[in-house]
């Protein structure tokens, strides 16, 4: 029997493709967001990640770098070797949260809300 997955997010996520930089094993790595909200992000990365890993992220948004610390909640290996990772923000600067919330609130009507499974076909490139 297949159960219905309950939404556990405290804030909505929006489908936004933005660049992300993060430090992994003392190496600067880059990724792309698939969606973002004030509580976390989902990214596609070339670097391996595991549930429970913590990182400091710099999300590049409208020419600004917003800094967040987060924990990997889940990962999915993609057919092309990349990793899809859901990350919950643990700590963030008040300014980064305010700027992200402002961006999301001013673009809410034009951004697609993420309600269900992610269509990975749009992120193949």
C-alpha atoms as a PDB file:
ATOM      1  CA  UNK A   1       0.000   0.000   0.000  1.00  0.00           C
ATOM      2  CA  UNK A   2       1.370   3.378  -0.964  1.00  0.00           C
ATOM      3  CA  UNK A   3       1.038   6.115   1.644  1.00  0.00           C
ATOM      4  CA  UNK A   4       0.410   9.768   0.994  1.00  0.00           C
ATOM      5  CA  UNK A   5       3.456  11.853   1.787  1.00  0.00           C
ATOM      6  CA  UNK A   6       2.660  14.678   4.171  1.00  0.00           C
ATOM      7  CA  UNK A   7       4.184  18.050   3.360  1.00  0.00           C
ATOM      8  CA  UNK A   8       6.584  18.934   6.171  1.00  0.00           C
ATOM      9  CA  UNK A   9       7.881  22.257   4.908  1.00  0.00           C
ATOM     10  CA  UNK A  10       7.117  25.300   7.017  1.00  0.00           C
ATOM     11  CA  UNK A  11       7.298  27.658   4.051  1.00  0.00           C
ATOM     12  CA  UNK A  12       6.419  27.287   0.367  1.00  0.00           C
ATOM     13  CA  UNK A  13       9.097  26.616  -2.227  1.00  0.00           C
ATOM     14  CA  UNK A  14       9.259  28.240  -5.639  1.00  0.00           C
ATOM     15  CA  UNK A  15      10.832  26.872  -8.826  1.00  0.00           C
ATOM     16  CA  UNK A  16      13.832  29.142  -9.294  1.00  0.00           C
ATOM     17  CA  UNK A  17      17.072  28.325 -11.125  1.00  0.00           C
ATOM     18  CA  UNK A  18      19.929  30.212  -9.464  1.00  0.00           C
ATOM     19  CA  UNK A  19      23.630  29.579  -8.904  1.00  0.00           C
ATOM     20  CA  UNK A  20      24.846  28.307  -5.550  1.00  0.00           C
ATOM     21  CA  UNK A  21      28.398  28.133  -4.219  1.00  0.00           C
ATOM     22  CA  UNK A  22      29.378  25.983  -1.263  1.00  0.00           C
ATOM     23  CA  UNK A  23      32.458  24.584   0.456  1.00  0.00           C
ATOM     24  CA  UNK A  24      32.813  20.807   0.386  1.00  0.00           C
ATOM     25  CA  UNK A  25      35.938  19.077   1.697  1.00  0.00           C
ATOM     26  CA  UNK A  26      37.845  22.381   1.497  1.00  0.00           C
ATOM     27  CA  UNK A  27      36.922  22.747  -2.180  1.00  0.00           C
ATOM     28  CA  UNK A  28      34.646  25.376  -3.607  1.00  0.00           C
ATOM     29  CA  UNK A  29      31.771  23.667  -5.408  1.00  0.00           C
ATOM     30  CA  UNK A  30      28.937  25.066  -7.474  1.00  0.00           C
ATOM     31  CA  UNK A  31      25.388  23.897  -8.036  1.00  0.00           C
ATOM     32  CA  UNK A  32      22.053  25.121  -9.382  1.00  0.00           C
ATOM     33  CA  UNK A  33      18.871  25.503  -7.415  1.00  0.00           C
ATOM     34  CA  UNK A  34      15.727  23.763  -8.609  1.00  0.00           C
ATOM     35  CA  UNK A  35      13.565  25.434  -5.991  1.00  0.00           C
ATOM     36  CA  UNK A  36      13.982  27.718  -3.014  1.00  0.00           C
ATOM     37  CA  UNK A  37      11.991  28.968  -0.058  1.00  0.00           C
ATOM     38  CA  UNK A  38      12.758  30.736   3.186  1.00  0.00           C
ATOM     39  CA  UNK A  39      13.272  27.355   4.904  1.00  0.00           C
ATOM     40  CA  UNK A  40      15.568  25.649   2.413  1.00  0.00           C
ATOM     41  CA  UNK A  41      16.601  24.814  -1.124  1.00  0.00           C
ATOM     42  CA  UNK A  42      16.832  21.897  -3.495  1.00  0.00           C
ATOM     43  CA  UNK A  43      19.958  21.813  -5.639  1.00  0.00           C
ATOM     44  CA  UNK A  44      21.530  19.775  -8.399  1.00  0.00           C
ATOM     45  CA  UNK A  45      25.254  19.246  -7.882  1.00  0.00           C
ATOM     46  CA  UNK A  46      28.103  17.375  -9.530  1.00  0.00           C
ATOM     47  CA  UNK A  47      29.583  16.649  -6.095  1.00  0.00           C
ATOM     48  CA  UNK A  48      28.399  13.749  -3.930  1.00  0.00           C
ATOM     49  CA  UNK A  49      26.300  14.613  -0.862  1.00  0.00           C
ATOM     50  CA  UNK A  50      24.884  12.497   1.926  1.00  0.00           C
ATOM     51  CA  UNK A  51      21.931  12.937   4.230  1.00  0.00           C
ATOM     52  CA  UNK A  52      23.102  14.786   7.329  1.00  0.00           C
ATOM     53  CA  UNK A  53      25.985  16.646   5.628  1.00  0.00           C
ATOM     54  CA  UNK A  54      26.099  20.328   6.568  1.00  0.00           C
ATOM     55  CA  UNK A  55      27.344  23.125   4.341  1.00  0.00           C
ATOM     56  CA  UNK A  56      27.547  26.879   4.133  1.00  0.00           C
ATOM     57  CA  UNK A  57      25.845  28.026   0.945  1.00  0.00           C
ATOM     58  CA  UNK A  58      26.043  31.245  -0.981  1.00  0.00           C
ATOM     59  CA  UNK A  59      22.926  31.652  -3.138  1.00  0.00           C
ATOM     60  CA  UNK A  60      23.442  34.163  -5.935  1.00  0.00           C
ATOM     61  CA  UNK A  61      20.213  36.137  -6.220  1.00  0.00           C
ATOM     62  CA  UNK A  62      19.800  39.360  -8.196  1.00  0.00           C
ATOM     63  CA  UNK A  63      23.539  40.065  -8.048  1.00  0.00           C
ATOM     64  CA  UNK A  64      23.735  39.487  -4.282  1.00  0.00           C
ATOM     65  CA  UNK A  65      25.239  36.564  -2.416  1.00  0.00           C
ATOM     66  CA  UNK A  66      22.890  35.356   0.319  1.00  0.00           C
ATOM     67  CA  UNK A  67      24.668  33.201   2.901  1.00  0.00           C
ATOM     68  CA  UNK A  68      22.943  30.257   4.596  1.00  0.00           C
ATOM     69  CA  UNK A  69      24.025  27.208   6.574  1.00  0.00           C
ATOM     70  CA  UNK A  70      22.037  24.058   5.906  1.00  0.00           C
ATOM     71  CA  UNK A  71      21.739  20.319   6.409  1.00  0.00           C
ATOM     72  CA  UNK A  72      21.108  17.809   3.630  1.00  0.00           C
ATOM     73  CA  UNK A  73      17.717  16.214   4.340  1.00  0.00           C
ATOM     74  CA  UNK A  74      17.541  13.876   1.342  1.00  0.00           C
ATOM     75  CA  UNK A  75      19.473  13.036  -1.827  1.00  0.00           C
ATOM     76  CA  UNK A  76      18.653  11.349  -5.120  1.00  0.00           C
ATOM     77  CA  UNK A  77      21.264  10.135  -7.597  1.00  0.00           C
ATOM     78  CA  UNK A  78      20.441  11.189 -11.135  1.00  0.00           C
ATOM     79  CA  UNK A  79      21.115   9.099 -14.260  1.00  0.00           C
ATOM     80  CA  UNK A  80      23.827  11.517 -15.426  1.00  0.00           C
ATOM     81  CA  UNK A  81      25.828  11.181 -12.175  1.00  0.00           C
ATOM     82  CA  UNK A  82      24.657  14.412 -10.589  1.00  0.00           C
ATOM     83  CA  UNK A  83      22.954  14.551  -7.210  1.00  0.00           C
ATOM     84  CA  UNK A  84      19.631  16.167  -6.367  1.00  0.00           C
ATOM     85  CA  UNK A  85      19.718  17.291  -2.715  1.00  0.00           C
ATOM     86  CA  UNK A  86      17.075  18.809  -0.472  1.00  0.00           C
ATOM     87  CA  UNK A  87      18.629  21.115   2.099  1.00  0.00           C
ATOM     88  CA  UNK A  88      17.022  22.653   5.148  1.00  0.00           C
ATOM     89  CA  UNK A  89      18.471  25.968   6.322  1.00  0.00           C
ATOM     90  CA  UNK A  90      19.861  25.684   9.866  1.00  0.00           C
ATOM     91  CA  UNK A  91      21.297  29.104  10.452  1.00  0.00           C
ATOM     92  CA  UNK A  92      21.097  32.187   8.340  1.00  0.00           C
ATOM     93  CA  UNK A  93      21.936  35.804   8.692  1.00  0.00           C
ATOM     94  CA  UNK A  94      18.904  37.946   9.350  1.00  0.00           C
ATOM     95  CA  UNK A  95      19.781  40.051   6.313  1.00  0.00           C
ATOM     96  CA  UNK A  96      19.892  36.996   4.005  1.00  0.00           C
ATOM     97  CA  UNK A  97      16.518  35.757   5.244  1.00  0.00           C
ATOM     98  CA  UNK A  98      15.003  39.238   4.871  1.00  0.00           C
ATOM     99  CA  UNK A  99      16.376  39.651   1.339  1.00  0.00           C
ATOM    100  CA  UNK A 100      15.208  36.176   0.295  1.00  0.00           C
ATOM    101  CA  UNK A 101      11.736  36.734   1.775  1.00  0.00           C
ATOM    102  CA  UNK A 102      11.509  40.121   0.047  1.00  0.00           C
ATOM    103  CA  UNK A 103      12.518  38.580  -3.290  1.00  0.00           C
ATOM    104  CA  UNK A 104      10.015  35.736  -2.936  1.00  0.00           C
ATOM    105  CA  UNK A 105       7.174  38.002  -1.832  1.00  0.00           C
ATOM    106  CA  UNK A 106       7.692  40.435  -4.720  1.00  0.00           C
ATOM    107  CA  UNK A 107       7.890  37.595  -7.266  1.00  0.00           C
ATOM    108  CA  UNK A 108       5.257  35.245  -5.825  1.00  0.00           C
ATOM    109  CA  UNK A 109       2.759  35.842  -8.630  1.00  0.00           C
ATOM    110  CA  UNK A 110       5.308  35.169 -11.366  1.00  0.00           C
ATOM    111  CA  UNK A 111       7.089  32.170  -9.807  1.00  0.00           C
ATOM    112  CA  UNK A 112       5.745  28.637 -10.120  1.00  0.00           C
ATOM    113  CA  UNK A 113       5.100  27.093  -6.705  1.00  0.00           C
ATOM    114  CA  UNK A 114       6.527  23.622  -6.105  1.00  0.00           C
ATOM    115  CA  UNK A 115       3.718  21.382  -4.877  1.00  0.00           C
ATOM    116  CA  UNK A 116       4.586  17.903  -6.075  1.00  0.00           C
ATOM    117  CA  UNK A 117       7.340  15.795  -7.582  1.00  0.00           C
ATOM    118  CA  UNK A 118      10.070  17.624  -9.458  1.00  0.00           C
ATOM    119  CA  UNK A 119      10.189  17.216 -13.226  1.00  0.00           C
ATOM    120  CA  UNK A 120      13.903  16.537 -13.740  1.00  0.00           C
ATOM    121  CA  UNK A 121      13.620  16.823 -17.529  1.00  0.00           C
ATOM    122  CA  UNK A 122      13.813  20.602 -17.230  1.00  0.00           C
ATOM    123  CA  UNK A 123      17.228  20.355 -15.520  1.00  0.00           C
ATOM    124  CA  UNK A 124      19.021  17.961 -17.875  1.00  0.00           C
ATOM    125  CA  UNK A 125      21.242  20.591 -19.472  1.00  0.00           C
END
